[in-house]
Amino acid sequence: MSQKDKGAVEALVEVTRSDCAVTNFIATLDAEVKVDRLRISESKTIHKLDTNADPEFILPGLQKCSNNVIRVGKTGYWADSHSCSACRFFSSSNVVVLSTKGIDSKRILYRILVQNPTKLKILEKDLELAGLNPNILETEFESTEILTEREKEVVNMAFRHGYFDPDRGISMTEIAKIMKVSTPSLSDVLRRATKKIVKYYIENKF
């Protein structure tokens, strides 16, 4: 068996659904809105929105389609609502969701990590059966590898200062200042390191 057959796979998957109340509301706005999903589960998804839309209009609209809405700064909102069919699918499947990004009210991208190429094929077929019209845009195969010294340093620094704690004791920007590096550079190193750790766990603990 080749290393690609054995190794984990990171994939970018586009799916289509029309039952997300938050993104359906956003589609009615005549304004640019950036949407991220902070947490997904079978019952609830927490959306993070950033927009310059008039708060007097967007806040009541979000309150109607969400269970709870919190204003964050001048342009941010956290809104939790019932999970759409796509978020329910991924939260109940045996994959790790690394990030999500909405394209429009119907299409959403999930960057995921699966155990091997065979699992990705099975996932694609299950998505088709669920009516989510999957389109796998990117795949990245990785061989088993340990963290570099730099990655170990960054993960250790983040862990010791409480970055992974539920209440997040320190921000990425604050860690970057301590380590005297740029925030984007630190974020990239931490993302790569986290992915390796998760991949190792999937391959050796599941």
C-alpha atoms as a PDB file:
ATOM      1  CA  MET A   1       0.000   0.000   0.000  1.00  0.00           C
ATOM      2  CA  SER A   2       1.400   3.432  -0.950  1.00  0.00           C
ATOM      3  CA  GLN A   3       1.821   6.240   1.574  1.00  0.00           C
ATOM      4  CA  LYS A   4      -1.025   8.125  -0.076  1.00  0.00           C
ATOM      5  CA  ASP A   5      -3.282   5.151   0.521  1.00  0.00           C
ATOM      6  CA  LYS A   6      -2.345   5.134   4.204  1.00  0.00           C
ATOM      7  CA  GLY A   7      -2.109   8.827   5.012  1.00  0.00           C
ATOM      8  CA  ALA A   8      -4.767  11.309   6.048  1.00  0.00           C
ATOM      9  CA  VAL A   9      -6.283  13.624   3.462  1.00  0.00           C
ATOM     10  CA  GLU A  10      -7.150  17.293   3.773  1.00  0.00           C
ATOM     11  CA  ALA A  11      -9.924  18.224   1.351  1.00  0.00           C
ATOM     12  CA  LEU A  12     -11.883  21.304   0.390  1.00  0.00           C
ATOM     13  CA  VAL A  13     -15.478  20.281  -0.280  1.00  0.00           C
ATOM     14  CA  GLU A  14     -18.219  22.483  -1.699  1.00  0.00           C
ATOM     15  CA  VAL A  15     -21.787  21.466  -0.894  1.00  0.00           C
ATOM     16  CA  THR A  16     -25.157  22.945  -1.770  1.00  0.00           C
ATOM     17  CA  ARG A  17     -28.106  23.402   0.575  1.00  0.00           C
ATOM     18  CA  SER A  18     -30.858  25.972   1.017  1.00  0.00           C
ATOM     19  CA  ASP A  19     -31.988  25.511   4.628  1.00  0.00           C
ATOM     20  CA  CYS A  20     -29.638  27.841   6.548  1.00  0.00           C
ATOM     21  CA  ALA A  21     -31.821  30.569   8.050  1.00  0.00           C
ATOM     22  CA  VAL A  22     -28.884  32.903   8.739  1.00  0.00           C
ATOM     23  CA  THR A  23     -27.392  32.814   5.242  1.00  0.00           C
ATOM     24  CA  ASN A  24     -30.851  33.041   3.680  1.00  0.00           C
ATOM     25  CA  PHE A  25     -31.377  36.263   5.608  1.00  0.00           C
ATOM     26  CA  ILE A  26     -27.945  37.578   4.624  1.00  0.00           C
ATOM     27  CA  ALA A  27     -28.811  37.003   0.968  1.00  0.00           C
ATOM     28  CA  THR A  28     -31.589  39.591   1.310  1.00  0.00           C
ATOM     29  CA  LEU A  29     -29.159  42.306   2.416  1.00  0.00           C
ATOM     30  CA  ASP A  30     -27.806  44.883   0.027  1.00  0.00           C
ATOM     31  CA  ALA A  31     -24.452  44.769   1.796  1.00  0.00           C
ATOM     32  CA  GLU A  32     -21.268  42.738   1.919  1.00  0.00           C
ATOM     33  CA  VAL A  33     -21.211  40.219   4.763  1.00  0.00           C
ATOM     34  CA  LYS A  34     -18.372  37.906   5.734  1.00  0.00           C
ATOM     35  CA  VAL A  35     -19.601  34.737   7.425  1.00  0.00           C
ATOM     36  CA  ASP A  36     -17.574  32.157   9.362  1.00  0.00           C
ATOM     37  CA  ARG A  37     -18.841  29.308  11.485  1.00  0.00           C
ATOM     38  CA  LEU A  38     -17.230  29.173  14.902  1.00  0.00           C
ATOM     39  CA  ARG A  39     -18.846  25.907  15.923  1.00  0.00           C
ATOM     40  CA  ILE A  40     -21.108  23.372  14.266  1.00  0.00           C
ATOM     41  CA  SER A  41     -23.124  20.576  15.825  1.00  0.00           C
ATOM     42  CA  GLU A  42     -26.092  18.417  14.919  1.00  0.00           C
ATOM     43  CA  SER A  43     -28.457  20.872  16.604  1.00  0.00           C
ATOM     44  CA  LYS A  44     -26.818  24.312  16.595  1.00  0.00           C
ATOM     45  CA  THR A  45     -24.328  26.316  14.534  1.00  0.00           C
ATOM     46  CA  ILE A  46     -22.672  29.502  15.766  1.00  0.00           C
ATOM     47  CA  HIS A  47     -22.139  31.969  12.924  1.00  0.00           C
ATOM     48  CA  LYS A  48     -19.698  34.860  13.071  1.00  0.00           C
ATOM     49  CA  LEU A  49     -20.703  37.747  10.820  1.00  0.00           C
ATOM     50  CA  ASP A  50     -18.776  40.861   9.905  1.00  0.00           C
ATOM     51  CA  THR A  51     -20.610  43.596   7.989  1.00  0.00           C
ATOM     52  CA  ASN A  52     -21.027  47.333   7.678  1.00  0.00           C
ATOM     53  CA  ALA A  53     -24.780  46.912   7.195  1.00  0.00           C
ATOM     54  CA  ASP A  54     -27.021  49.168   9.282  1.00  0.00           C
ATOM     55  CA  PRO A  55     -27.335  47.548  12.762  1.00  0.00           C
ATOM     56  CA  GLU A  56     -30.912  48.811  13.061  1.00  0.00           C
ATOM     57  CA  PHE A  57     -31.793  46.558  10.132  1.00  0.00           C
ATOM     58  CA  ILE A  58     -29.472  43.564  10.459  1.00  0.00           C
ATOM     59  CA  LEU A  59     -29.893  43.029  14.217  1.00  0.00           C
ATOM     60  CA  PRO A  60     -33.699  42.540  14.168  1.00  0.00           C
ATOM     61  CA  GLY A  61     -33.346  40.317  11.103  1.00  0.00           C
ATOM     62  CA  LEU A  62     -30.765  38.104  12.784  1.00  0.00           C
ATOM     63  CA  GLN A  63     -32.864  37.911  15.932  1.00  0.00           C
ATOM     64  CA  LYS A  64     -35.784  36.562  13.901  1.00  0.00           C
ATOM     65  CA  CYS A  65     -33.768  33.742  12.315  1.00  0.00           C
ATOM     66  CA  SER A  66     -31.477  32.920  15.262  1.00  0.00           C
ATOM     67  CA  ASN A  67     -31.843  31.583  18.775  1.00  0.00           C
ATOM     68  CA  ASN A  68     -29.387  34.113  20.163  1.00  0.00           C
ATOM     69  CA  VAL A  69     -27.503  37.107  18.738  1.00  0.00           C
ATOM     70  CA  ILE A  70     -24.590  38.959  20.330  1.00  0.00           C
ATOM     71  CA  ARG A  71     -23.151  42.204  18.982  1.00  0.00           C
ATOM     72  CA  VAL A  72     -19.333  42.039  18.826  1.00  0.00           C
ATOM     73  CA  GLY A  73     -17.624  45.370  18.232  1.00  0.00           C
ATOM     74  CA  LYS A  74     -18.872  47.823  15.616  1.00  0.00           C
ATOM     75  CA  THR A  75     -19.308  45.430  12.699  1.00  0.00           C
ATOM     76  CA  GLY A  76     -19.443  41.941  14.226  1.00  0.00           C
ATOM     77  CA  TYR A  77     -22.245  39.612  15.287  1.00  0.00           C
ATOM     78  CA  TRP A  78     -22.384  36.102  16.715  1.00  0.00           C
ATOM     79  CA  ALA A  79     -25.616  34.343  15.848  1.00  0.00           C
ATOM     80  CA  ASP A  80     -26.554  30.793  16.725  1.00  0.00           C
ATOM     81  CA  SER A  81     -29.320  29.023  14.867  1.00  0.00           C
ATOM     82  CA  HIS A  82     -30.545  25.535  14.106  1.00  0.00           C
ATOM     83  CA  SER A  83     -27.917  23.723  12.031  1.00  0.00           C
ATOM     84  CA  CYS A  84     -28.562  23.387   8.324  1.00  0.00           C
ATOM     85  CA  SER A  85     -28.476  19.993   6.624  1.00  0.00           C
ATOM     86  CA  ALA A  86     -24.801  20.380   5.681  1.00  0.00           C
ATOM     87  CA  CYS A  87     -23.617  21.294   9.182  1.00  0.00           C
ATOM     88  CA  ARG A  88     -25.696  18.451  10.635  1.00  0.00           C
ATOM     89  CA  PHE A  89     -24.110  16.034   8.185  1.00  0.00           C
ATOM     90  CA  PHE A  90     -20.508  17.022   8.878  1.00  0.00           C
ATOM     91  CA  SER A  91     -20.950  17.273  12.644  1.00  0.00           C
ATOM     92  CA  SER A  92     -22.283  13.703  12.761  1.00  0.00           C
ATOM     93  CA  SER A  93     -19.708  12.245  10.349  1.00  0.00           C
ATOM     94  CA  ASN A  94     -16.334  10.800  11.266  1.00  0.00           C
ATOM     95  CA  VAL A  95     -14.301  13.728   9.887  1.00  0.00           C
ATOM     96  CA  VAL A  96     -12.565  16.744  11.380  1.00  0.00           C
ATOM     97  CA  VAL A  97     -13.897  20.081  10.137  1.00  0.00           C
ATOM     98  CA  LEU A  98     -10.954  22.494   9.984  1.00  0.00           C
ATOM     99  CA  SER A  99     -12.861  25.521   8.683  1.00  0.00           C
ATOM    100  CA  THR A 100     -15.973  26.617   6.814  1.00  0.00           C
ATOM    101  CA  LYS A 101     -16.691  29.470   4.430  1.00  0.00           C
ATOM    102  CA  GLY A 102     -19.960  30.525   2.865  1.00  0.00           C
ATOM    103  CA  ILE A 103     -19.957  31.281  -0.860  1.00  0.00           C
ATOM    104  CA  ASP A 104     -23.592  32.379  -1.104  1.00  0.00           C
ATOM    105  CA  SER A 105     -26.938  31.471   0.472  1.00  0.00           C
ATOM    106  CA  LYS A 106     -26.851  27.989  -1.070  1.00  0.00           C
ATOM    107  CA  ARG A 107     -23.179  27.016  -1.345  1.00  0.00           C
ATOM    108  CA  ILE A 108     -20.691  26.488   1.474  1.00  0.00           C
ATOM    109  CA  LEU A 109     -17.108  25.261   1.644  1.00  0.00           C
ATOM    110  CA  TYR A 110     -15.871  22.830   4.292  1.00  0.00           C
ATOM    111  CA  ARG A 111     -12.161  22.183   4.725  1.00  0.00           C
ATOM    112  CA  ILE A 112     -11.974  18.753   6.316  1.00  0.00           C
ATOM    113  CA  LEU A 113      -9.522  16.094   7.391  1.00  0.00           C
ATOM    114  CA  VAL A 114     -10.286  12.408   6.803  1.00  0.00           C
ATOM    115  CA  GLN A 115      -8.322   9.281   7.604  1.00  0.00           C
ATOM    116  CA  ASN A 116      -7.481   8.191   4.057  1.00  0.00           C
ATOM    117  CA  PRO A 117      -8.578   8.509   0.393  1.00  0.00           C
ATOM    118  CA  THR A 118     -11.033   5.621   0.733  1.00  0.00           C
ATOM    119  CA  LYS A 119     -12.849   7.430   3.556  1.00  0.00           C
ATOM    120  CA  LEU A 120     -13.031  10.546   1.367  1.00  0.00           C
ATOM    121  CA  LYS A 121     -14.676   8.546  -1.442  1.00  0.00           C
ATOM    122  CA  ILE A 122     -17.205   7.122   0.991  1.00  0.00           C
ATOM    123  CA  LEU A 123     -17.876  10.604   2.355  1.00  0.00           C
ATOM    124  CA  GLU A 124     -18.448  11.963  -1.145  1.00  0.00           C
ATOM    125  CA  LYS A 125     -20.975   9.224  -1.881  1.00  0.00           C
ATOM    126  CA  ASP A 126     -22.769   9.811   1.439  1.00  0.00           C
ATOM    127  CA  LEU A 127     -22.972  13.531   0.663  1.00  0.00           C
ATOM    128  CA  GLU A 128     -24.530  12.718  -2.702  1.00  0.00           C
ATOM    129  CA  LEU A 129     -27.085  10.429  -1.053  1.00  0.00           C
ATOM    130  CA  ALA A 130     -27.912  13.237   1.385  1.00  0.00           C
ATOM    131  CA  GLY A 131     -28.693  15.524  -1.554  1.00  0.00           C
ATOM    132  CA  LEU A 132     -25.838  17.940  -0.787  1.00  0.00           C
ATOM    133  CA  ASN A 133     -24.297  17.845  -4.298  1.00  0.00           C
ATOM    134  CA  PRO A 134     -20.634  17.614  -3.217  1.00  0.00           C
ATOM    135  CA  ASN A 135     -17.805  19.030  -5.288  1.00  0.00           C
ATOM    136  CA  ILE A 136     -14.298  18.208  -4.052  1.00  0.00           C
ATOM    137  CA  LEU A 137     -12.189  21.204  -5.077  1.00  0.00           C
ATOM    138  CA  GLU A 138      -8.847  20.397  -3.445  1.00  0.00           C
ATOM    139  CA  THR A 139      -7.118  17.420  -1.858  1.00  0.00           C
ATOM    140  CA  GLU A 140      -3.811  17.312  -0.061  1.00  0.00           C
ATOM    141  CA  PHE A 141      -2.197  14.020   0.909  1.00  0.00           C
ATOM    142  CA  GLU A 142       0.273  13.912   3.749  1.00  0.00           C
ATOM    143  CA  SER A 143       2.731  11.369   4.980  1.00  0.00           C
ATOM    144  CA  THR A 144       3.153  10.765   8.700  1.00  0.00           C
ATOM    145  CA  GLU A 145       5.478  13.393  10.129  1.00  0.00           C
ATOM    146  CA  ILE A 146       6.385  14.932  13.452  1.00  0.00           C
ATOM    147  CA  LEU A 147       6.280  18.611  14.311  1.00  0.00           C
ATOM    148  CA  THR A 148       9.231  20.774  13.402  1.00  0.00           C
ATOM    149  CA  GLU A 149      11.090  22.519  16.212  1.00  0.00           C
ATOM    150  CA  ARG A 150       9.421  25.789  15.253  1.00  0.00           C
ATOM    151  CA  GLU A 151       5.959  24.190  15.297  1.00  0.00           C
ATOM    152  CA  LYS A 152       6.666  22.663  18.715  1.00  0.00           C
ATOM    153  CA  GLU A 153       7.746  26.067  20.010  1.00  0.00           C
ATOM    154  CA  VAL A 154       4.583  27.772  18.747  1.00  0.00           C
ATOM    155  CA  VAL A 155       2.203  25.051  20.020  1.00  0.00           C
ATOM    156  CA  ASN A 156       3.922  25.027  23.414  1.00  0.00           C
ATOM    157  CA  MET A 157       3.739  28.815  23.684  1.00  0.00           C
ATOM    158  CA  ALA A 158       0.048  28.847  22.713  1.00  0.00           C
ATOM    159  CA  PHE A 159      -0.784  26.037  25.145  1.00  0.00           C
ATOM    160  CA  ARG A 160       1.108  27.512  28.102  1.00  0.00           C
ATOM    161  CA  HIS A 161      -0.551  30.901  27.673  1.00  0.00           C
ATOM    162  CA  GLY A 162      -4.087  29.470  27.471  1.00  0.00           C
ATOM    163  CA  TYR A 163      -4.786  29.945  23.753  1.00  0.00           C
ATOM    164  CA  PHE A 164      -6.598  26.585  23.590  1.00  0.00           C
ATOM    165  CA  ASP A 165      -8.628  27.162  26.765  1.00  0.00           C
ATOM    166  CA  PRO A 166     -12.427  27.600  26.412  1.00  0.00           C
ATOM    167  CA  ASP A 167     -12.155  31.251  27.469  1.00  0.00           C
ATOM    168  CA  ARG A 168      -9.016  31.762  25.304  1.00  0.00           C
ATOM    169  CA  GLY A 169      -6.584  33.353  27.762  1.00  0.00           C
ATOM    170  CA  ILE A 170      -4.507  34.997  25.025  1.00  0.00           C
ATOM    171  CA  SER A 171      -5.034  36.085  21.445  1.00  0.00           C
ATOM    172  CA  MET A 172      -3.026  35.130  18.361  1.00  0.00           C
ATOM    173  CA  THR A 173      -1.852  38.746  18.082  1.00  0.00           C
ATOM    174  CA  GLU A 174      -0.603  38.744  21.672  1.00  0.00           C
ATOM    175  CA  ILE A 175       1.345  35.502  21.130  1.00  0.00           C
ATOM    176  CA  ALA A 176       2.844  36.965  17.953  1.00  0.00           C
ATOM    177  CA  LYS A 177       4.050  39.997  19.916  1.00  0.00           C
ATOM    178  CA  ILE A 178       5.664  37.776  22.553  1.00  0.00           C
ATOM    179  CA  MET A 179       7.422  35.712  19.886  1.00  0.00           C
ATOM    180  CA  LYS A 180       8.242  38.817  17.817  1.00  0.00           C
ATOM    181  CA  VAL A 181       6.712  37.483  14.610  1.00  0.00           C
ATOM    182  CA  SER A 182       3.810  38.600  12.424  1.00  0.00           C
ATOM    183  CA  THR A 183       0.336  37.387  13.310  1.00  0.00           C
ATOM    184  CA  PRO A 184      -0.284  35.837   9.832  1.00  0.00           C
ATOM    185  CA  SER A 185       3.018  33.943  10.026  1.00  0.00           C
ATOM    186  CA  LEU A 186       2.247  32.629  13.512  1.00  0.00           C
ATOM    187  CA  SER A 187      -1.281  31.650  12.462  1.00  0.00           C
ATOM    188  CA  ASP A 188       0.077  29.668   9.517  1.00  0.00           C
ATOM    189  CA  VAL A 189       2.584  27.766  11.671  1.00  0.00           C
ATOM    190  CA  LEU A 190      -0.049  26.988  14.309  1.00  0.00           C
ATOM    191  CA  ARG A 191      -2.537  25.819  11.671  1.00  0.00           C
ATOM    192  CA  ARG A 192       0.013  23.432  10.128  1.00  0.00           C
ATOM    193  CA  ALA A 193       1.033  22.100  13.520  1.00  0.00           C
ATOM    194  CA  THR A 194      -2.568  21.616  14.664  1.00  0.00           C
ATOM    195  CA  LYS A 195      -3.388  19.760  11.471  1.00  0.00           C
ATOM    196  CA  LYS A 196      -0.447  17.376  12.013  1.00  0.00           C
ATOM    197  CA  ILE A 197      -1.522  16.720  15.598  1.00  0.00           C
ATOM    198  CA  VAL A 198      -5.116  16.031  14.563  1.00  0.00           C
ATOM    199  CA  LYS A 199      -3.954  13.803  11.696  1.00  0.00           C
ATOM    200  CA  TYR A 200      -1.776  11.774  14.057  1.00  0.00           C
ATOM    201  CA  TYR A 201      -4.714  11.369  16.451  1.00  0.00           C
ATOM    202  CA  ILE A 202      -7.039  10.233  13.659  1.00  0.00           C
ATOM    203  CA  GLU A 203      -4.575   7.693  12.313  1.00  0.00           C
ATOM    204  CA  ASN A 204      -3.481   6.294  15.657  1.00  0.00           C
ATOM    205  CA  LYS A 205      -6.359   6.745  18.126  1.00  0.00           C
ATOM    206  CA  PHE A 206      -9.571   6.200  16.154  1.00  0.00           C
END
